[in-house]
Amino acid sequence: MSSGLIVADDVTPRVHRARADSHAELRSALYAGLVGALLSPIWPPVSFVLALPLAGVLSVLLYRRRGLGDDPSRRVGFRLGALSGLLSFGFLMVLSAFGTLVSHNEADAHAAVIQIIQRAEARNPDPQVRQLFDYFMTPHGMAVMMIFGFVIMCVTFVLLSGIGGAVSASFLRRKGSPRP
């Protein structure tokens, strides 16, 4: 007859290992995400495309160093990379917001976005597209555009870093490791 209490003997080593693995995954992705966020703004178009897969690769390398068992599979590599990409995005947004607030650059950033929209509007003769651009210059339209841009950027960060993690996990598998 069981009293419903969990005794220390009932806890399997598998649970402890899973907990330690998830802790190693989180720490590895955290450090790699920070590196990805710091490298992304250096040379915007090129560093963005290189820094994010590098963050995925770095997360797998750090996890292998901390890992308790087998080499990570491609699925685990993608998950590590995707998590590092998500954290990179978060770190970069916090750093960007902090930089904008410290430099008191909000008005300049807003004016630059309005100027870009106006130039794009001037190049397009279609009246429906011009109407859409006019909407984006309103406060509500600007908010919609920014949210949509952030979502696209976040998905891009996650996918690029995840692909870097999956590729590195695939290449770094030891010869004796079982395939997933």
N, C-alpha and C. Protein backbone atom coordinates (compact mmCIF):
# COMPACT_ATOMS: atom_id res chain seq x y z
N MET A 1 0.83 -1.16 0.00
CA MET A 1 0.00 0.00 0.00
C MET A 1 0.89 1.24 0.00
N SER A 2 0.64 2.14 -0.92
CA SER A 2 1.45 3.33 -1.06
C SER A 2 0.74 4.53 -0.45
N SER A 3 1.50 5.35 0.24
CA SER A 3 0.91 6.53 0.87
C SER A 3 0.92 7.75 -0.06
N GLY A 4 1.47 7.59 -1.24
CA GLY A 4 1.48 8.70 -2.19
C GLY A 4 2.70 9.60 -2.04
N LEU A 5 3.53 9.34 -1.04
CA LEU A 5 4.73 10.13 -0.85
C LEU A 5 5.84 9.58 -1.74
N ILE A 6 6.64 10.46 -2.26
CA ILE A 6 7.76 10.04 -3.08
C ILE A 6 8.97 9.88 -2.18
N VAL A 7 9.54 8.72 -2.24
CA VAL A 7 10.72 8.41 -1.45
C VAL A 7 11.94 8.67 -2.32
N ALA A 8 13.06 8.98 -1.70
CA ALA A 8 14.27 9.31 -2.44
C ALA A 8 14.67 8.18 -3.38
N ASP A 9 14.36 6.92 -3.03
CA ASP A 9 14.72 5.80 -3.89
C ASP A 9 13.89 5.77 -5.16
N ASP A 10 12.71 6.43 -5.16
CA ASP A 10 11.85 6.44 -6.33
C ASP A 10 12.34 7.38 -7.43
N VAL A 11 13.18 8.33 -7.08
CA VAL A 11 13.69 9.28 -8.06
C VAL A 11 14.82 8.61 -8.82
N THR A 12 14.65 8.53 -10.11
CA THR A 12 15.63 7.81 -10.92
C THR A 12 16.77 8.71 -11.34
N PRO A 13 17.91 8.11 -11.64
CA PRO A 13 19.03 8.91 -12.15
C PRO A 13 18.68 9.60 -13.46
N ARG A 14 17.73 9.06 -14.20
CA ARG A 14 17.32 9.65 -15.47
C ARG A 14 16.74 11.06 -15.26
N VAL A 15 15.97 11.26 -14.21
CA VAL A 15 15.39 12.56 -13.91
C VAL A 15 16.49 13.56 -13.57
N HIS A 16 17.46 13.11 -12.77
CA HIS A 16 18.57 13.99 -12.41
C HIS A 16 19.38 14.38 -13.64
N ARG A 17 19.59 13.41 -14.54
CA ARG A 17 20.35 13.68 -15.75
C ARG A 17 19.60 14.65 -16.66
N ALA A 18 18.29 14.46 -16.79
CA ALA A 18 17.49 15.35 -17.63
C ALA A 18 17.53 16.77 -17.07
N ARG A 19 17.45 16.90 -15.77
CA ARG A 19 17.51 18.22 -15.14
C ARG A 19 18.88 18.86 -15.36
N ALA A 20 19.93 18.08 -15.22
CA ALA A 20 21.28 18.61 -15.43
C ALA A 20 21.49 18.96 -16.90
N ASP A 21 20.95 18.14 -17.82
CA ASP A 21 21.07 18.43 -19.25
C ASP A 21 20.34 19.72 -19.60
N SER A 22 19.14 19.91 -19.06
CA SER A 22 18.40 21.14 -19.38
C SER A 22 19.11 22.35 -18.80
N HIS A 23 19.74 22.19 -17.65
CA HIS A 23 20.51 23.29 -17.07
C HIS A 23 21.72 23.59 -17.96
N ALA A 24 22.39 22.56 -18.45
CA ALA A 24 23.54 22.76 -19.35
C ALA A 24 23.08 23.39 -20.66
N GLU A 25 21.92 22.99 -21.17
CA GLU A 25 21.39 23.59 -22.40
C GLU A 25 21.13 25.08 -22.21
N LEU A 26 20.49 25.42 -21.11
CA LEU A 26 20.15 26.82 -20.86
C LEU A 26 21.40 27.67 -20.69
N ARG A 27 22.36 27.20 -19.93
CA ARG A 27 23.59 27.98 -19.74
C ARG A 27 24.36 28.13 -21.04
N SER A 28 24.45 27.07 -21.82
CA SER A 28 25.16 27.13 -23.10
C SER A 28 24.48 28.10 -24.04
N ALA A 29 23.17 28.04 -24.13
CA ALA A 29 22.42 28.94 -25.01
C ALA A 29 22.51 30.38 -24.51
N LEU A 30 22.52 30.57 -23.21
CA LEU A 30 22.62 31.91 -22.64
C LEU A 30 23.93 32.58 -23.03
N TYR A 31 25.03 31.88 -22.84
CA TYR A 31 26.34 32.44 -23.19
C TYR A 31 26.47 32.67 -24.69
N ALA A 32 26.02 31.70 -25.48
CA ALA A 32 26.09 31.85 -26.94
C ALA A 32 25.17 32.98 -27.41
N GLY A 33 24.01 33.12 -26.79
CA GLY A 33 23.09 34.20 -27.15
C GLY A 33 23.68 35.57 -26.87
N LEU A 34 24.40 35.68 -25.77
CA LEU A 34 25.04 36.95 -25.44
C LEU A 34 26.12 37.28 -26.48
N VAL A 35 26.90 36.27 -26.88
CA VAL A 35 27.92 36.49 -27.91
C VAL A 35 27.26 36.90 -29.23
N GLY A 36 26.18 36.22 -29.61
CA GLY A 36 25.48 36.56 -30.85
C GLY A 36 24.93 37.97 -30.83
N ALA A 37 24.39 38.39 -29.69
CA ALA A 37 23.84 39.75 -29.57
C ALA A 37 24.93 40.80 -29.64
N LEU A 38 26.09 40.50 -29.09
CA LEU A 38 27.18 41.48 -29.12
C LEU A 38 27.84 41.56 -30.49
N LEU A 39 27.85 40.45 -31.24
CA LEU A 39 28.47 40.45 -32.56
C LEU A 39 27.54 40.97 -33.66
N SER A 40 26.24 40.86 -33.49
CA SER A 40 25.29 41.24 -34.54
C SER A 40 25.39 42.69 -35.01
N PRO A 41 25.51 43.68 -34.13
CA PRO A 41 25.50 45.07 -34.61
C PRO A 41 26.85 45.59 -35.12
N ILE A 42 27.90 44.77 -35.13
CA ILE A 42 29.22 45.26 -35.51
C ILE A 42 29.25 45.76 -36.95
N TRP A 43 28.85 44.93 -37.89
CA TRP A 43 28.82 45.28 -39.31
C TRP A 43 27.50 44.76 -39.83
N PRO A 44 26.41 45.52 -39.71
CA PRO A 44 25.04 45.03 -39.78
C PRO A 44 24.68 43.97 -40.83
N PRO A 45 24.83 44.15 -42.10
CA PRO A 45 24.32 43.08 -42.95
C PRO A 45 25.14 41.80 -42.86
N VAL A 46 26.46 41.93 -42.81
CA VAL A 46 27.32 40.76 -42.83
C VAL A 46 27.38 40.09 -41.47
N SER A 47 27.58 40.87 -40.42
CA SER A 47 27.74 40.28 -39.09
C SER A 47 26.45 39.62 -38.61
N PHE A 48 25.32 40.16 -39.03
CA PHE A 48 24.03 39.58 -38.66
C PHE A 48 23.91 38.15 -39.19
N VAL A 49 24.29 37.96 -40.45
CA VAL A 49 24.18 36.64 -41.08
C VAL A 49 25.25 35.69 -40.55
N LEU A 50 26.38 36.21 -40.12
CA LEU A 50 27.45 35.35 -39.60
C LEU A 50 27.34 35.11 -38.09
N ALA A 51 26.92 36.13 -37.34
CA ALA A 51 26.90 36.04 -35.88
C ALA A 51 25.85 35.05 -35.38
N LEU A 52 24.72 34.97 -36.04
CA LEU A 52 23.65 34.11 -35.54
C LEU A 52 23.95 32.62 -35.73
N PRO A 53 24.38 32.17 -36.90
CA PRO A 53 24.79 30.76 -36.98
C PRO A 53 25.98 30.47 -36.07
N LEU A 54 26.87 31.45 -35.91
CA LEU A 54 28.00 31.27 -35.00
C LEU A 54 27.50 31.08 -33.57
N ALA A 55 26.46 31.80 -33.18
CA ALA A 55 25.88 31.62 -31.85
C ALA A 55 25.32 30.20 -31.70
N GLY A 56 24.69 29.68 -32.76
CA GLY A 56 24.20 28.30 -32.73
C GLY A 56 25.32 27.30 -32.59
N VAL A 57 26.40 27.50 -33.34
CA VAL A 57 27.57 26.62 -33.26
C VAL A 57 28.17 26.69 -31.86
N LEU A 58 28.31 27.89 -31.35
CA LEU A 58 28.89 28.08 -30.03
C LEU A 58 28.04 27.42 -28.94
N SER A 59 26.73 27.50 -29.07
CA SER A 59 25.87 26.86 -28.06
C SER A 59 26.07 25.35 -28.05
N VAL A 60 26.25 24.74 -29.21
CA VAL A 60 26.49 23.29 -29.27
C VAL A 60 27.86 22.96 -28.69
N LEU A 61 28.87 23.76 -29.02
CA LEU A 61 30.21 23.52 -28.48
C LEU A 61 30.22 23.63 -26.95
N LEU A 62 29.57 24.66 -26.43
CA LEU A 62 29.50 24.82 -24.98
C LEU A 62 28.72 23.69 -24.33
N TYR A 63 27.64 23.27 -24.97
CA TYR A 63 26.85 22.17 -24.42
C TYR A 63 27.66 20.88 -24.41
N ARG A 64 28.39 20.61 -25.47
CA ARG A 64 29.23 19.40 -25.50
C ARG A 64 30.24 19.42 -24.37
N ARG A 65 30.74 20.60 -24.08
CA ARG A 65 31.72 20.72 -23.01
C ARG A 65 31.09 20.46 -21.64
N ARG A 66 29.84 20.87 -21.48
CA ARG A 66 29.13 20.70 -20.21
C ARG A 66 28.32 19.42 -20.16
N GLY A 67 27.99 18.87 -21.33
CA GLY A 67 27.06 17.75 -21.41
C GLY A 67 27.49 16.55 -20.59
N LEU A 68 26.50 15.77 -20.20
CA LEU A 68 26.76 14.63 -19.34
C LEU A 68 26.88 13.31 -20.09
N GLY A 69 26.40 13.28 -21.30
CA GLY A 69 26.36 12.00 -21.99
C GLY A 69 26.80 12.10 -23.42
N ASP A 70 25.94 11.59 -24.29
CA ASP A 70 26.23 11.53 -25.72
C ASP A 70 26.33 12.92 -26.33
N ASP A 71 26.89 12.94 -27.55
CA ASP A 71 26.90 14.18 -28.31
C ASP A 71 25.46 14.56 -28.64
N PRO A 72 25.21 15.85 -28.76
CA PRO A 72 23.83 16.27 -29.09
C PRO A 72 23.46 15.85 -30.51
N SER A 73 22.22 15.46 -30.68
CA SER A 73 21.70 15.13 -32.01
C SER A 73 21.44 16.43 -32.76
N ARG A 74 21.08 16.32 -34.03
CA ARG A 74 20.74 17.51 -34.81
C ARG A 74 19.54 18.23 -34.21
N ARG A 75 18.59 17.46 -33.70
CA ARG A 75 17.40 18.07 -33.08
C ARG A 75 17.79 18.88 -31.85
N VAL A 76 18.63 18.30 -31.00
CA VAL A 76 19.09 19.02 -29.82
C VAL A 76 19.95 20.22 -30.24
N GLY A 77 20.77 20.04 -31.28
CA GLY A 77 21.58 21.15 -31.80
C GLY A 77 20.71 22.29 -32.28
N PHE A 78 19.63 21.96 -33.01
CA PHE A 78 18.72 23.00 -33.47
C PHE A 78 18.05 23.69 -32.29
N ARG A 79 17.63 22.89 -31.30
CA ARG A 79 16.98 23.48 -30.13
C ARG A 79 17.94 24.41 -29.38
N LEU A 80 19.20 23.98 -29.23
CA LEU A 80 20.19 24.83 -28.58
C LEU A 80 20.41 26.12 -29.37
N GLY A 81 20.56 25.98 -30.68
CA GLY A 81 20.77 27.15 -31.52
C GLY A 81 19.57 28.08 -31.51
N ALA A 82 18.37 27.51 -31.59
CA ALA A 82 17.16 28.33 -31.59
C ALA A 82 17.02 29.09 -30.28
N LEU A 83 17.33 28.42 -29.18
CA LEU A 83 17.26 29.11 -27.88
C LEU A 83 18.30 30.21 -27.80
N SER A 84 19.50 29.95 -28.33
CA SER A 84 20.52 31.01 -28.32
C SER A 84 20.10 32.16 -29.23
N GLY A 85 19.42 31.88 -30.34
CA GLY A 85 18.92 32.93 -31.22
C GLY A 85 17.84 33.76 -30.54
N LEU A 86 16.95 33.10 -29.83
CA LEU A 86 15.91 33.81 -29.09
C LEU A 86 16.51 34.71 -28.02
N LEU A 87 17.51 34.18 -27.31
CA LEU A 87 18.17 34.99 -26.29
C LEU A 87 18.98 36.12 -26.92
N SER A 88 19.60 35.86 -28.08
CA SER A 88 20.33 36.93 -28.79
C SER A 88 19.38 38.06 -29.15
N PHE A 89 18.21 37.70 -29.67
CA PHE A 89 17.22 38.71 -30.02
C PHE A 89 16.84 39.53 -28.79
N GLY A 90 16.56 38.85 -27.69
CA GLY A 90 16.19 39.56 -26.46
C GLY A 90 17.29 40.48 -25.96
N PHE A 91 18.52 39.97 -25.95
CA PHE A 91 19.65 40.79 -25.50
C PHE A 91 19.84 42.00 -26.42
N LEU A 92 19.74 41.77 -27.74
CA LEU A 92 19.94 42.86 -28.69
C LEU A 92 18.84 43.92 -28.54
N MET A 93 17.61 43.50 -28.31
CA MET A 93 16.52 44.47 -28.13
C MET A 93 16.75 45.29 -26.86
N VAL A 94 17.19 44.64 -25.79
CA VAL A 94 17.45 45.37 -24.55
C VAL A 94 18.61 46.34 -24.74
N LEU A 95 19.69 45.88 -25.40
CA LEU A 95 20.83 46.76 -25.64
C LEU A 95 20.45 47.94 -26.54
N SER A 96 19.66 47.68 -27.57
CA SER A 96 19.22 48.75 -28.48
C SER A 96 18.34 49.77 -27.76
N ALA A 97 17.40 49.26 -26.97
CA ALA A 97 16.52 50.17 -26.23
C ALA A 97 17.31 51.00 -25.23
N PHE A 98 18.24 50.36 -24.55
CA PHE A 98 19.07 51.09 -23.59
C PHE A 98 19.91 52.14 -24.28
N GLY A 99 20.51 51.79 -25.42
CA GLY A 99 21.31 52.75 -26.17
C GLY A 99 20.50 53.93 -26.66
N THR A 100 19.28 53.66 -27.11
CA THR A 100 18.41 54.73 -27.59
C THR A 100 18.00 55.66 -26.44
N LEU A 101 17.69 55.07 -25.29
CA LEU A 101 17.30 55.89 -24.14
C LEU A 101 18.46 56.72 -23.60
N VAL A 102 19.64 56.13 -23.55
CA VAL A 102 20.79 56.84 -23.01
C VAL A 102 21.19 58.00 -23.92
N SER A 103 21.14 57.77 -25.23
CA SER A 103 21.56 58.82 -26.16
C SER A 103 20.44 59.82 -26.46
N HIS A 104 19.26 59.60 -25.91
CA HIS A 104 18.10 60.46 -26.16
C HIS A 104 17.88 60.63 -27.67
N ASN A 105 17.87 59.52 -28.36
CA ASN A 105 17.86 59.49 -29.81
C ASN A 105 16.49 59.08 -30.36
N GLU A 106 15.45 59.06 -29.53
CA GLU A 106 14.14 58.57 -29.97
C GLU A 106 13.59 59.38 -31.14
N ALA A 107 13.67 60.69 -31.05
CA ALA A 107 13.12 61.56 -32.10
C ALA A 107 13.89 61.37 -33.41
N ASP A 108 15.21 61.23 -33.32
CA ASP A 108 16.01 61.02 -34.53
C ASP A 108 15.67 59.68 -35.18
N ALA A 109 15.48 58.65 -34.38
CA ALA A 109 15.14 57.33 -34.92
C ALA A 109 13.77 57.38 -35.60
N HIS A 110 12.82 58.04 -34.97
CA HIS A 110 11.48 58.16 -35.54
C HIS A 110 11.52 58.95 -36.85
N ALA A 111 12.28 60.03 -36.87
CA ALA A 111 12.41 60.85 -38.09
C ALA A 111 13.07 60.05 -39.21
N ALA A 112 14.05 59.22 -38.87
CA ALA A 112 14.72 58.41 -39.89
C ALA A 112 13.77 57.39 -40.49
N VAL A 113 12.92 56.78 -39.67
CA VAL A 113 11.94 55.82 -40.18
C VAL A 113 10.93 56.52 -41.08
N ILE A 114 10.45 57.68 -40.67
CA ILE A 114 9.50 58.46 -41.49
C ILE A 114 10.14 58.82 -42.83
N GLN A 115 11.40 59.22 -42.81
CA GLN A 115 12.09 59.59 -44.04
C GLN A 115 12.22 58.38 -44.98
N ILE A 116 12.51 57.21 -44.45
CA ILE A 116 12.60 56.00 -45.27
C ILE A 116 11.24 55.68 -45.90
N ILE A 117 10.19 55.80 -45.11
CA ILE A 117 8.84 55.53 -45.63
C ILE A 117 8.49 56.54 -46.73
N GLN A 118 8.82 57.81 -46.52
CA GLN A 118 8.51 58.83 -47.52
C GLN A 118 9.28 58.60 -48.82
N ARG A 119 10.54 58.18 -48.73
CA ARG A 119 11.31 57.88 -49.94
C ARG A 119 10.71 56.70 -50.69
N ALA A 120 10.31 55.65 -49.95
CA ALA A 120 9.70 54.48 -50.59
C ALA A 120 8.37 54.86 -51.23
N GLU A 121 7.62 55.73 -50.57
CA GLU A 121 6.33 56.17 -51.11
C GLU A 121 6.53 56.98 -52.40
N ALA A 122 7.56 57.81 -52.44
CA ALA A 122 7.81 58.64 -53.62
C ALA A 122 8.22 57.78 -54.83
N ARG A 123 8.85 56.64 -54.56
CA ARG A 123 9.29 55.77 -55.65
C ARG A 123 8.17 54.89 -56.21
N ASN A 124 7.06 54.79 -55.50
CA ASN A 124 5.99 53.88 -55.91
C ASN A 124 4.79 54.67 -56.42
N PRO A 125 4.41 54.47 -57.69
CA PRO A 125 3.29 55.24 -58.26
C PRO A 125 1.91 54.67 -57.92
N ASP A 126 1.82 53.47 -57.38
CA ASP A 126 0.53 52.83 -57.10
C ASP A 126 -0.19 53.56 -55.96
N PRO A 127 -1.42 54.03 -56.16
CA PRO A 127 -2.13 54.77 -55.11
C PRO A 127 -2.46 53.92 -53.88
N GLN A 128 -2.70 52.64 -54.07
CA GLN A 128 -3.00 51.77 -52.92
C GLN A 128 -1.75 51.59 -52.04
N VAL A 129 -0.61 51.47 -52.67
CA VAL A 129 0.63 51.35 -51.90
C VAL A 129 0.94 52.66 -51.18
N ARG A 130 0.67 53.76 -51.84
CA ARG A 130 0.88 55.06 -51.19
C ARG A 130 -0.04 55.22 -49.97
N GLN A 131 -1.25 54.72 -50.09
CA GLN A 131 -2.18 54.76 -48.97
C GLN A 131 -1.65 53.92 -47.81
N LEU A 132 -1.06 52.77 -48.12
CA LEU A 132 -0.46 51.92 -47.09
C LEU A 132 0.70 52.64 -46.42
N PHE A 133 1.54 53.31 -47.20
CA PHE A 133 2.65 54.06 -46.63
C PHE A 133 2.14 55.20 -45.74
N ASP A 134 1.06 55.85 -46.16
CA ASP A 134 0.48 56.91 -45.33
C ASP A 134 0.00 56.34 -43.99
N TYR A 135 -0.57 55.14 -44.04
CA TYR A 135 -1.00 54.49 -42.80
C TYR A 135 0.20 54.21 -41.89
N PHE A 136 1.31 53.77 -42.46
CA PHE A 136 2.50 53.47 -41.65
C PHE A 136 3.11 54.70 -41.01
N MET A 137 2.78 55.89 -41.51
CA MET A 137 3.30 57.11 -40.91
C MET A 137 2.46 57.59 -39.73
N THR A 138 1.28 56.97 -39.52
CA THR A 138 0.47 57.30 -38.34
C THR A 138 1.06 56.58 -37.12
N PRO A 139 0.76 57.04 -35.92
CA PRO A 139 1.28 56.35 -34.74
C PRO A 139 0.84 54.87 -34.66
N HIS A 140 -0.42 54.60 -34.98
CA HIS A 140 -0.90 53.22 -34.95
C HIS A 140 -0.20 52.38 -36.02
N GLY A 141 -0.08 52.92 -37.22
CA GLY A 141 0.59 52.21 -38.31
C GLY A 141 2.05 51.97 -38.01
N MET A 142 2.71 52.94 -37.37
CA MET A 142 4.11 52.79 -36.99
C MET A 142 4.25 51.65 -35.98
N ALA A 143 3.33 51.57 -35.03
CA ALA A 143 3.37 50.50 -34.03
C ALA A 143 3.18 49.13 -34.69
N VAL A 144 2.22 49.04 -35.62
CA VAL A 144 1.99 47.77 -36.33
C VAL A 144 3.24 47.37 -37.12
N MET A 145 3.83 48.33 -37.80
CA MET A 145 5.03 48.06 -38.59
C MET A 145 6.18 47.60 -37.70
N MET A 146 6.36 48.23 -36.56
CA MET A 146 7.44 47.86 -35.65
C MET A 146 7.21 46.46 -35.07
N ILE A 147 6.00 46.17 -34.67
CA ILE A 147 5.71 44.84 -34.12
C ILE A 147 5.93 43.77 -35.18
N PHE A 148 5.45 44.00 -36.37
CA PHE A 148 5.64 43.05 -37.47
C PHE A 148 7.13 42.88 -37.75
N GLY A 149 7.88 43.96 -37.76
CA GLY A 149 9.33 43.88 -37.98
C GLY A 149 10.04 43.11 -36.88
N PHE A 150 9.63 43.32 -35.63
CA PHE A 150 10.24 42.59 -34.53
C PHE A 150 9.95 41.10 -34.60
N VAL A 151 8.73 40.74 -35.00
CA VAL A 151 8.38 39.33 -35.11
C VAL A 151 9.22 38.67 -36.21
N ILE A 152 9.32 39.33 -37.35
CA ILE A 152 10.13 38.79 -38.46
C ILE A 152 11.59 38.67 -38.03
N MET A 153 12.09 39.67 -37.34
CA MET A 153 13.48 39.65 -36.88
C MET A 153 13.71 38.53 -35.87
N CYS A 154 12.78 38.33 -34.95
CA CYS A 154 12.91 37.26 -33.96
C CYS A 154 12.92 35.89 -34.64
N VAL A 155 12.01 35.68 -35.58
CA VAL A 155 11.96 34.40 -36.30
C VAL A 155 13.27 34.17 -37.06
N THR A 156 13.80 35.22 -37.67
CA THR A 156 15.06 35.11 -38.39
C THR A 156 16.20 34.75 -37.44
N PHE A 157 16.27 35.39 -36.28
CA PHE A 157 17.29 35.08 -35.28
C PHE A 157 17.20 33.61 -34.88
N VAL A 158 15.99 33.15 -34.58
CA VAL A 158 15.80 31.78 -34.13
C VAL A 158 16.19 30.78 -35.22
N LEU A 159 15.74 31.03 -36.45
CA LEU A 159 16.04 30.08 -37.54
C LEU A 159 17.52 30.05 -37.90
N LEU A 160 18.16 31.21 -38.03
CA LEU A 160 19.58 31.21 -38.38
C LEU A 160 20.43 30.55 -37.30
N SER A 161 20.15 30.85 -36.05
CA SER A 161 20.90 30.24 -34.96
C SER A 161 20.60 28.75 -34.85
N GLY A 162 19.34 28.38 -35.04
CA GLY A 162 18.97 26.97 -35.00
C GLY A 162 19.64 26.16 -36.08
N ILE A 163 19.71 26.73 -37.28
CA ILE A 163 20.39 26.04 -38.38
C ILE A 163 21.88 25.88 -38.06
N GLY A 164 22.48 26.92 -37.52
CA GLY A 164 23.89 26.82 -37.11
C GLY A 164 24.11 25.75 -36.07
N GLY A 165 23.19 25.64 -35.11
CA GLY A 165 23.29 24.61 -34.08
C GLY A 165 23.11 23.22 -34.64
N ALA A 166 22.15 23.03 -35.54
CA ALA A 166 21.89 21.72 -36.13
C ALA A 166 23.06 21.27 -37.00
N VAL A 167 23.59 22.18 -37.79
CA VAL A 167 24.73 21.83 -38.66
C VAL A 167 25.94 21.48 -37.82
N SER A 168 26.21 22.25 -36.79
CA SER A 168 27.38 21.96 -35.95
C SER A 168 27.20 20.65 -35.20
N ALA A 169 26.00 20.36 -34.72
CA ALA A 169 25.78 19.09 -34.03
C ALA A 169 25.98 17.92 -34.99
N SER A 170 25.57 18.11 -36.23
CA SER A 170 25.75 17.07 -37.24
C SER A 170 27.22 16.84 -37.54
N PHE A 171 27.99 17.91 -37.70
CA PHE A 171 29.41 17.78 -38.03
C PHE A 171 30.26 17.34 -36.85
N LEU A 172 29.84 17.66 -35.65
CA LEU A 172 30.66 17.38 -34.47
C LEU A 172 30.38 16.03 -33.83
N ARG A 173 29.47 15.26 -34.39
CA ARG A 173 29.16 13.96 -33.80
C ARG A 173 30.38 13.06 -33.88
N ARG A 174 30.65 12.39 -32.80
CA ARG A 174 31.77 11.44 -32.78
C ARG A 174 31.36 10.19 -33.55
N LYS A 175 32.34 9.48 -34.06
CA LYS A 175 32.05 8.34 -34.91
C LYS A 175 31.30 7.22 -34.18
N GLY A 176 31.52 7.04 -32.91
CA GLY A 176 30.86 5.98 -32.16
C GLY A 176 29.47 6.33 -31.65
N SER A 177 29.06 7.58 -31.82
CA SER A 177 27.77 8.02 -31.27
C SER A 177 26.63 7.47 -32.13
N PRO A 178 25.54 7.06 -31.49
CA PRO A 178 24.39 6.57 -32.26
C PRO A 178 23.70 7.72 -32.99
N ARG A 179 23.14 7.44 -34.14
CA ARG A 179 22.40 8.44 -34.94
C ARG A 179 20.98 8.53 -34.42
N PRO A 180 20.38 9.75 -34.47
CA PRO A 180 18.99 9.87 -34.02
C PRO A 180 18.01 9.28 -35.01
